[in-house]
Amino acid sequence: MSSDDEGLTGRGRVTVFAMFGTVFGYTTHHLDERRIGDVAVIGPLTSGVEWPRLWQMARSCGRPAAKDTELAQWVLIQATRAFVCGSDRIAQFHDQGWKLEPGGKRVSFETAYANRDHLWTGNLTVDGLRPDQVAERPSL
């Protein structure tokens, strides 16, 4: 795990979903020419919400003694659930531009988890989203 001092831009499949009132984006990044999406990229899209909120959610929903890898698995499975099941999905794009801002948190899994080797989180923007799509949602 490390802090990311460089931003990242990409284009591809993006899932936009709500979790506990906050809207997040989930996409993938490829580290080599195989283009297998080995990096999950997840971040908040709701204005005024910063990436640590995602880790706070994982900490409050996970085991009290959970380490970063286990928390990262929780984060990834929430995004995967939204992609696969459509749970709380707001939008699904097949070819959309996105940008992960500098900063954030990166975690590498010891073995592939939900078909991903890494989770990179940070503040995310996705091209073409309307303000109503990223607005805070009512939550329990």
N, C-alpha and C. Protein backbone atom coordinates (compact mmCIF):
# COMPACT_ATOMS: atom_id res chain seq x y z
N MET A 1 0.85 -1.16 0.00
CA MET A 1 0.00 0.00 0.00
C MET A 1 0.89 1.21 0.00
N SER A 2 0.43 2.27 -0.68
CA SER A 2 1.19 3.50 -0.69
C SER A 2 0.29 4.65 -1.08
N SER A 3 0.76 5.84 -0.82
CA SER A 3 0.06 7.01 -1.30
C SER A 3 0.44 7.21 -2.76
N ASP A 4 -0.49 7.69 -3.53
CA ASP A 4 -0.25 7.94 -4.93
C ASP A 4 -0.03 9.43 -5.13
N ASP A 5 1.16 9.81 -5.54
CA ASP A 5 1.46 11.22 -5.74
C ASP A 5 1.17 11.67 -7.16
N GLU A 6 0.78 10.75 -8.02
CA GLU A 6 0.47 11.09 -9.39
C GLU A 6 -1.00 10.79 -9.67
N GLY A 7 -1.61 11.62 -10.49
CA GLY A 7 -2.97 11.34 -10.92
C GLY A 7 -2.97 10.29 -12.01
N LEU A 8 -4.14 9.89 -12.42
CA LEU A 8 -4.28 8.86 -13.43
C LEU A 8 -5.53 9.18 -14.24
N THR A 9 -5.43 9.11 -15.55
CA THR A 9 -6.60 9.28 -16.39
C THR A 9 -6.80 8.02 -17.21
N GLY A 10 -8.03 7.78 -17.58
CA GLY A 10 -8.33 6.61 -18.38
C GLY A 10 -9.66 6.73 -19.08
N ARG A 11 -9.98 5.73 -19.82
CA ARG A 11 -11.24 5.66 -20.55
C ARG A 11 -11.64 4.19 -20.58
N GLY A 12 -12.90 3.93 -20.26
CA GLY A 12 -13.39 2.56 -20.29
C GLY A 12 -14.70 2.43 -19.54
N ARG A 13 -14.97 1.21 -19.10
CA ARG A 13 -16.22 0.92 -18.38
C ARG A 13 -16.18 1.60 -17.02
N VAL A 14 -17.28 2.27 -16.69
CA VAL A 14 -17.41 2.92 -15.39
C VAL A 14 -18.78 2.60 -14.81
N THR A 15 -18.79 2.17 -13.57
CA THR A 15 -20.04 1.97 -12.83
C THR A 15 -20.15 3.09 -11.81
N VAL A 16 -21.30 3.74 -11.77
CA VAL A 16 -21.59 4.80 -10.81
C VAL A 16 -22.65 4.26 -9.87
N PHE A 17 -22.37 4.28 -8.56
CA PHE A 17 -23.29 3.68 -7.60
C PHE A 17 -23.31 4.47 -6.30
N ALA A 18 -24.39 4.32 -5.55
CA ALA A 18 -24.53 4.98 -4.26
C ALA A 18 -24.30 3.97 -3.14
N MET A 19 -23.64 4.45 -2.09
CA MET A 19 -23.42 3.62 -0.91
C MET A 19 -23.45 4.54 0.30
N PHE A 20 -24.39 4.26 1.22
CA PHE A 20 -24.56 5.07 2.42
C PHE A 20 -24.68 6.55 2.08
N GLY A 21 -25.40 6.86 1.01
CA GLY A 21 -25.69 8.24 0.65
C GLY A 21 -24.68 8.90 -0.27
N THR A 22 -23.48 8.36 -0.36
CA THR A 22 -22.44 8.94 -1.20
C THR A 22 -22.40 8.21 -2.54
N VAL A 23 -22.14 8.95 -3.60
CA VAL A 23 -22.03 8.36 -4.93
C VAL A 23 -20.56 8.12 -5.24
N PHE A 24 -20.26 6.92 -5.71
CA PHE A 24 -18.90 6.50 -6.03
C PHE A 24 -18.82 6.06 -7.49
N GLY A 25 -17.62 6.07 -8.02
CA GLY A 25 -17.35 5.52 -9.34
C GLY A 25 -16.40 4.35 -9.21
N TYR A 26 -16.56 3.38 -10.10
CA TYR A 26 -15.70 2.18 -10.13
C TYR A 26 -15.32 1.91 -11.57
N THR A 27 -14.03 1.83 -11.81
CA THR A 27 -13.52 1.50 -13.13
C THR A 27 -12.28 0.64 -12.95
N THR A 28 -11.61 0.32 -14.04
CA THR A 28 -10.39 -0.48 -13.94
C THR A 28 -9.28 0.18 -14.73
N HIS A 29 -8.07 -0.20 -14.39
CA HIS A 29 -6.86 0.30 -15.04
C HIS A 29 -5.97 -0.91 -15.33
N HIS A 30 -5.21 -0.81 -16.39
CA HIS A 30 -4.33 -1.92 -16.80
C HIS A 30 -2.88 -1.52 -16.59
N LEU A 31 -2.11 -2.40 -15.97
CA LEU A 31 -0.70 -2.12 -15.71
C LEU A 31 0.22 -2.56 -16.85
N ASP A 32 -0.30 -3.34 -17.79
CA ASP A 32 0.54 -3.77 -18.90
C ASP A 32 -0.31 -4.00 -20.15
N GLU A 33 0.34 -4.44 -21.19
CA GLU A 33 -0.31 -4.58 -22.50
C GLU A 33 -1.38 -5.67 -22.55
N ARG A 34 -1.47 -6.51 -21.52
CA ARG A 34 -2.52 -7.55 -21.53
C ARG A 34 -3.91 -6.95 -21.37
N ARG A 35 -4.00 -5.75 -20.78
CA ARG A 35 -5.26 -5.01 -20.62
C ARG A 35 -6.33 -5.84 -19.91
N ILE A 36 -5.94 -6.45 -18.79
CA ILE A 36 -6.87 -7.32 -18.07
C ILE A 36 -7.56 -6.61 -16.90
N GLY A 37 -7.35 -5.32 -16.75
CA GLY A 37 -8.04 -4.61 -15.68
C GLY A 37 -7.60 -5.07 -14.31
N ASP A 38 -6.30 -5.20 -14.12
CA ASP A 38 -5.81 -5.74 -12.86
C ASP A 38 -5.90 -4.76 -11.70
N VAL A 39 -6.20 -3.50 -11.97
CA VAL A 39 -6.34 -2.50 -10.92
C VAL A 39 -7.78 -2.01 -10.86
N ALA A 40 -8.40 -2.13 -9.69
CA ALA A 40 -9.72 -1.53 -9.46
C ALA A 40 -9.47 -0.09 -9.03
N VAL A 41 -10.19 0.84 -9.63
CA VAL A 41 -10.10 2.26 -9.30
C VAL A 41 -11.46 2.69 -8.78
N ILE A 42 -11.50 3.16 -7.53
CA ILE A 42 -12.77 3.52 -6.89
C ILE A 42 -12.59 4.83 -6.14
N GLY A 43 -13.57 5.71 -6.30
CA GLY A 43 -13.51 6.98 -5.56
C GLY A 43 -14.85 7.66 -5.53
N PRO A 44 -14.99 8.62 -4.61
CA PRO A 44 -16.25 9.35 -4.50
C PRO A 44 -16.44 10.33 -5.65
N LEU A 45 -17.68 10.50 -6.06
CA LEU A 45 -18.06 11.45 -7.10
C LEU A 45 -18.89 12.59 -6.54
N THR A 46 -19.44 12.40 -5.34
CA THR A 46 -20.28 13.42 -4.71
C THR A 46 -19.41 14.62 -4.32
N SER A 47 -19.85 15.80 -4.70
CA SER A 47 -19.11 17.02 -4.40
C SER A 47 -18.90 17.17 -2.90
N GLY A 48 -17.69 17.54 -2.52
CA GLY A 48 -17.37 17.77 -1.12
C GLY A 48 -16.99 16.52 -0.33
N VAL A 49 -17.09 15.35 -0.95
CA VAL A 49 -16.71 14.10 -0.28
C VAL A 49 -15.31 13.72 -0.74
N GLU A 50 -14.44 13.44 0.21
CA GLU A 50 -13.06 13.07 -0.11
C GLU A 50 -12.89 11.56 0.02
N TRP A 51 -11.83 11.03 -0.60
CA TRP A 51 -11.60 9.59 -0.66
C TRP A 51 -11.50 8.90 0.70
N PRO A 52 -11.04 9.54 1.79
CA PRO A 52 -10.99 8.81 3.06
C PRO A 52 -12.37 8.33 3.56
N ARG A 53 -13.46 8.94 3.07
CA ARG A 53 -14.80 8.50 3.47
C ARG A 53 -15.00 7.04 3.12
N LEU A 54 -14.47 6.60 2.00
CA LEU A 54 -14.60 5.21 1.58
C LEU A 54 -13.96 4.28 2.60
N TRP A 55 -12.80 4.64 3.10
CA TRP A 55 -12.09 3.83 4.09
C TRP A 55 -12.77 3.90 5.45
N GLN A 56 -13.39 5.02 5.78
CA GLN A 56 -14.16 5.11 7.02
C GLN A 56 -15.36 4.17 6.97
N MET A 57 -16.01 4.11 5.81
CA MET A 57 -17.14 3.18 5.65
C MET A 57 -16.68 1.74 5.84
N ALA A 58 -15.57 1.40 5.22
CA ALA A 58 -15.04 0.03 5.35
C ALA A 58 -14.71 -0.28 6.80
N ARG A 59 -14.09 0.67 7.47
CA ARG A 59 -13.72 0.46 8.88
C ARG A 59 -14.97 0.27 9.74
N SER A 60 -16.01 1.05 9.53
CA SER A 60 -17.21 0.94 10.37
C SER A 60 -18.03 -0.30 10.05
N CYS A 61 -17.91 -0.82 8.84
CA CYS A 61 -18.68 -2.01 8.46
C CYS A 61 -17.89 -3.30 8.60
N GLY A 62 -16.58 -3.20 8.73
CA GLY A 62 -15.74 -4.38 8.79
C GLY A 62 -15.43 -4.81 10.21
N ARG A 63 -14.57 -5.81 10.31
CA ARG A 63 -14.14 -6.29 11.63
C ARG A 63 -13.30 -5.21 12.30
N PRO A 64 -13.44 -5.05 13.60
CA PRO A 64 -12.66 -4.03 14.31
C PRO A 64 -11.15 -4.17 14.12
N ALA A 65 -10.65 -5.40 13.99
CA ALA A 65 -9.21 -5.62 13.86
C ALA A 65 -8.75 -5.74 12.40
N ALA A 66 -9.63 -5.42 11.45
CA ALA A 66 -9.29 -5.59 10.04
C ALA A 66 -8.12 -4.71 9.63
N LYS A 67 -7.22 -5.29 8.85
CA LYS A 67 -6.08 -4.56 8.29
C LYS A 67 -6.49 -3.97 6.93
N ASP A 68 -5.61 -3.17 6.34
CA ASP A 68 -5.93 -2.49 5.09
C ASP A 68 -6.34 -3.43 3.96
N THR A 69 -5.69 -4.60 3.86
CA THR A 69 -6.04 -5.52 2.79
C THR A 69 -7.48 -6.00 2.92
N GLU A 70 -7.91 -6.32 4.12
CA GLU A 70 -9.29 -6.77 4.34
C GLU A 70 -10.27 -5.62 4.08
N LEU A 71 -9.92 -4.42 4.49
CA LEU A 71 -10.77 -3.26 4.23
C LEU A 71 -10.86 -3.00 2.73
N ALA A 72 -9.76 -3.16 2.02
CA ALA A 72 -9.75 -2.98 0.57
C ALA A 72 -10.64 -4.02 -0.11
N GLN A 73 -10.64 -5.24 0.41
CA GLN A 73 -11.53 -6.27 -0.14
C GLN A 73 -12.99 -5.88 0.06
N TRP A 74 -13.32 -5.31 1.22
CA TRP A 74 -14.69 -4.86 1.47
C TRP A 74 -15.07 -3.77 0.46
N VAL A 75 -14.18 -2.82 0.23
CA VAL A 75 -14.44 -1.73 -0.72
C VAL A 75 -14.67 -2.31 -2.11
N LEU A 76 -13.79 -3.20 -2.54
CA LEU A 76 -13.90 -3.77 -3.88
C LEU A 76 -15.17 -4.59 -4.05
N ILE A 77 -15.55 -5.33 -3.04
CA ILE A 77 -16.75 -6.16 -3.19
C ILE A 77 -18.01 -5.30 -3.27
N GLN A 78 -18.02 -4.14 -2.63
CA GLN A 78 -19.18 -3.24 -2.75
C GLN A 78 -19.31 -2.73 -4.19
N ALA A 79 -18.19 -2.34 -4.78
CA ALA A 79 -18.21 -1.86 -6.16
C ALA A 79 -18.56 -2.99 -7.12
N THR A 80 -18.03 -4.17 -6.88
CA THR A 80 -18.33 -5.33 -7.73
C THR A 80 -19.80 -5.68 -7.64
N ARG A 81 -20.37 -5.62 -6.44
CA ARG A 81 -21.80 -5.89 -6.25
C ARG A 81 -22.63 -4.91 -7.09
N ALA A 82 -22.27 -3.64 -7.07
CA ALA A 82 -23.00 -2.64 -7.86
C ALA A 82 -22.89 -2.93 -9.35
N PHE A 83 -21.70 -3.32 -9.81
CA PHE A 83 -21.48 -3.63 -11.21
C PHE A 83 -22.25 -4.87 -11.64
N VAL A 84 -22.15 -5.94 -10.87
CA VAL A 84 -22.74 -7.22 -11.26
C VAL A 84 -24.25 -7.26 -11.02
N CYS A 85 -24.67 -6.83 -9.85
CA CYS A 85 -26.07 -6.97 -9.45
C CYS A 85 -26.92 -5.74 -9.74
N GLY A 86 -26.28 -4.62 -9.96
CA GLY A 86 -27.03 -3.39 -10.18
C GLY A 86 -27.51 -2.75 -8.90
N SER A 87 -27.08 -3.26 -7.76
CA SER A 87 -27.51 -2.73 -6.47
C SER A 87 -27.07 -1.28 -6.34
N ASP A 88 -28.02 -0.39 -6.15
CA ASP A 88 -27.74 1.04 -5.97
C ASP A 88 -26.99 1.66 -7.14
N ARG A 89 -27.06 1.02 -8.31
CA ARG A 89 -26.38 1.56 -9.49
C ARG A 89 -27.14 2.77 -10.00
N ILE A 90 -26.40 3.81 -10.32
CA ILE A 90 -26.98 5.04 -10.86
C ILE A 90 -26.76 5.10 -12.36
N ALA A 91 -25.60 4.69 -12.81
CA ALA A 91 -25.27 4.71 -14.24
C ALA A 91 -24.23 3.64 -14.53
N GLN A 92 -24.23 3.18 -15.77
CA GLN A 92 -23.23 2.23 -16.25
C GLN A 92 -22.79 2.71 -17.62
N PHE A 93 -21.51 3.01 -17.75
CA PHE A 93 -20.94 3.46 -19.01
C PHE A 93 -20.00 2.39 -19.54
N HIS A 94 -20.01 2.22 -20.85
CA HIS A 94 -19.13 1.20 -21.45
C HIS A 94 -17.83 1.82 -21.97
N ASP A 95 -17.84 3.13 -22.23
CA ASP A 95 -16.65 3.79 -22.75
C ASP A 95 -16.70 5.26 -22.32
N GLN A 96 -16.21 5.53 -21.12
CA GLN A 96 -16.30 6.87 -20.54
C GLN A 96 -14.94 7.31 -20.02
N GLY A 97 -14.64 8.59 -20.15
CA GLY A 97 -13.41 9.14 -19.61
C GLY A 97 -13.52 9.33 -18.10
N TRP A 98 -12.41 9.16 -17.41
CA TRP A 98 -12.38 9.34 -15.96
C TRP A 98 -11.00 9.82 -15.55
N LYS A 99 -10.94 10.39 -14.33
CA LYS A 99 -9.66 10.87 -13.79
C LYS A 99 -9.61 10.63 -12.30
N LEU A 100 -8.52 10.01 -11.86
CA LEU A 100 -8.23 9.83 -10.44
C LEU A 100 -7.22 10.90 -10.06
N GLU A 101 -7.60 11.74 -9.10
CA GLU A 101 -6.75 12.86 -8.69
C GLU A 101 -5.51 12.36 -7.95
N PRO A 102 -4.45 13.16 -7.92
CA PRO A 102 -3.27 12.79 -7.13
C PRO A 102 -3.64 12.62 -5.66
N GLY A 103 -2.89 11.79 -4.97
CA GLY A 103 -3.20 11.47 -3.57
C GLY A 103 -3.95 10.15 -3.55
N GLY A 104 -4.55 9.83 -2.46
CA GLY A 104 -5.33 8.60 -2.38
C GLY A 104 -4.55 7.49 -1.71
N LYS A 105 -5.06 6.30 -1.90
CA LYS A 105 -4.48 5.13 -1.23
C LYS A 105 -4.48 3.95 -2.19
N ARG A 106 -3.38 3.21 -2.18
CA ARG A 106 -3.25 2.03 -3.02
C ARG A 106 -2.99 0.82 -2.14
N VAL A 107 -3.67 -0.27 -2.46
CA VAL A 107 -3.47 -1.53 -1.75
C VAL A 107 -3.28 -2.63 -2.80
N SER A 108 -2.28 -3.47 -2.59
CA SER A 108 -2.06 -4.64 -3.44
C SER A 108 -2.54 -5.88 -2.70
N PHE A 109 -3.30 -6.73 -3.39
CA PHE A 109 -3.76 -7.98 -2.81
C PHE A 109 -2.69 -9.04 -2.99
N GLU A 110 -2.58 -9.95 -2.04
CA GLU A 110 -1.59 -11.02 -2.15
C GLU A 110 -1.92 -11.95 -3.31
N THR A 111 -3.20 -12.21 -3.50
CA THR A 111 -3.68 -12.97 -4.65
C THR A 111 -4.86 -12.20 -5.22
N ALA A 112 -5.22 -12.50 -6.46
CA ALA A 112 -6.33 -11.78 -7.10
C ALA A 112 -7.59 -11.88 -6.24
N TYR A 113 -8.27 -10.77 -6.11
CA TYR A 113 -9.52 -10.71 -5.36
C TYR A 113 -10.55 -10.05 -6.26
N ALA A 114 -11.68 -10.71 -6.49
CA ALA A 114 -12.71 -10.23 -7.41
C ALA A 114 -12.07 -9.86 -8.76
N ASN A 115 -11.14 -10.71 -9.19
CA ASN A 115 -10.42 -10.56 -10.47
C ASN A 115 -9.52 -9.33 -10.54
N ARG A 116 -9.15 -8.77 -9.41
CA ARG A 116 -8.27 -7.60 -9.37
C ARG A 116 -7.06 -7.90 -8.48
N ASP A 117 -5.92 -7.35 -8.85
CA ASP A 117 -4.70 -7.51 -8.08
C ASP A 117 -4.44 -6.33 -7.15
N HIS A 118 -5.02 -5.18 -7.48
CA HIS A 118 -4.78 -3.95 -6.73
C HIS A 118 -6.08 -3.15 -6.60
N LEU A 119 -6.14 -2.34 -5.55
CA LEU A 119 -7.21 -1.35 -5.39
C LEU A 119 -6.54 0.00 -5.23
N TRP A 120 -6.91 0.94 -6.09
CA TRP A 120 -6.44 2.31 -5.98
C TRP A 120 -7.67 3.17 -5.69
N THR A 121 -7.63 3.92 -4.61
CA THR A 121 -8.74 4.80 -4.27
C THR A 121 -8.24 6.24 -4.23
N GLY A 122 -9.12 7.15 -4.51
CA GLY A 122 -8.81 8.57 -4.50
C GLY A 122 -10.02 9.35 -4.95
N ASN A 123 -9.86 10.65 -5.04
CA ASN A 123 -10.95 11.48 -5.53
C ASN A 123 -11.05 11.26 -7.03
N LEU A 124 -12.26 10.98 -7.49
CA LEU A 124 -12.49 10.56 -8.87
C LEU A 124 -13.45 11.52 -9.55
N THR A 125 -13.25 11.73 -10.83
CA THR A 125 -14.23 12.43 -11.66
C THR A 125 -14.51 11.56 -12.87
N VAL A 126 -15.74 11.62 -13.35
CA VAL A 126 -16.16 10.86 -14.52
C VAL A 126 -16.81 11.83 -15.49
N ASP A 127 -16.38 11.80 -16.74
CA ASP A 127 -16.92 12.69 -17.76
C ASP A 127 -18.42 12.47 -17.94
N GLY A 128 -19.13 13.56 -18.16
CA GLY A 128 -20.52 13.48 -18.59
C GLY A 128 -21.56 13.23 -17.52
N LEU A 129 -21.19 13.23 -16.25
CA LEU A 129 -22.20 13.01 -15.21
C LEU A 129 -22.92 14.32 -14.90
N ARG A 130 -24.22 14.23 -14.70
CA ARG A 130 -25.03 15.39 -14.32
C ARG A 130 -24.96 15.58 -12.81
N PRO A 131 -25.17 16.81 -12.33
CA PRO A 131 -25.15 17.06 -10.88
C PRO A 131 -26.13 16.18 -10.10
N ASP A 132 -27.31 15.89 -10.66
CA ASP A 132 -28.27 15.05 -9.94
C ASP A 132 -27.79 13.61 -9.82
N GLN A 133 -26.91 13.17 -10.71
CA GLN A 133 -26.40 11.80 -10.63
C GLN A 133 -25.36 11.62 -9.52
N VAL A 134 -24.68 12.69 -9.15
CA VAL A 134 -23.63 12.58 -8.14
C VAL A 134 -24.02 13.22 -6.81
N ALA A 135 -25.23 13.75 -6.73
CA ALA A 135 -25.70 14.40 -5.49
C ALA A 135 -25.83 13.39 -4.36
N GLU A 136 -25.58 13.85 -3.15
CA GLU A 136 -25.73 13.01 -1.93
C GLU A 136 -27.15 12.45 -1.94
N ARG A 137 -27.30 11.19 -1.54
CA ARG A 137 -28.58 10.49 -1.50
C ARG A 137 -29.04 10.32 -0.07
N PRO A 138 -30.35 10.23 0.15
CA PRO A 138 -30.82 9.89 1.51
C PRO A 138 -30.29 8.51 1.89
N SER A 139 -29.94 8.34 3.14
CA SER A 139 -29.38 7.07 3.60
C SER A 139 -29.85 6.78 5.02
N LEU A 140 -29.83 5.50 5.36
CA LEU A 140 -30.19 5.10 6.71
C LEU A 140 -29.14 5.54 7.70
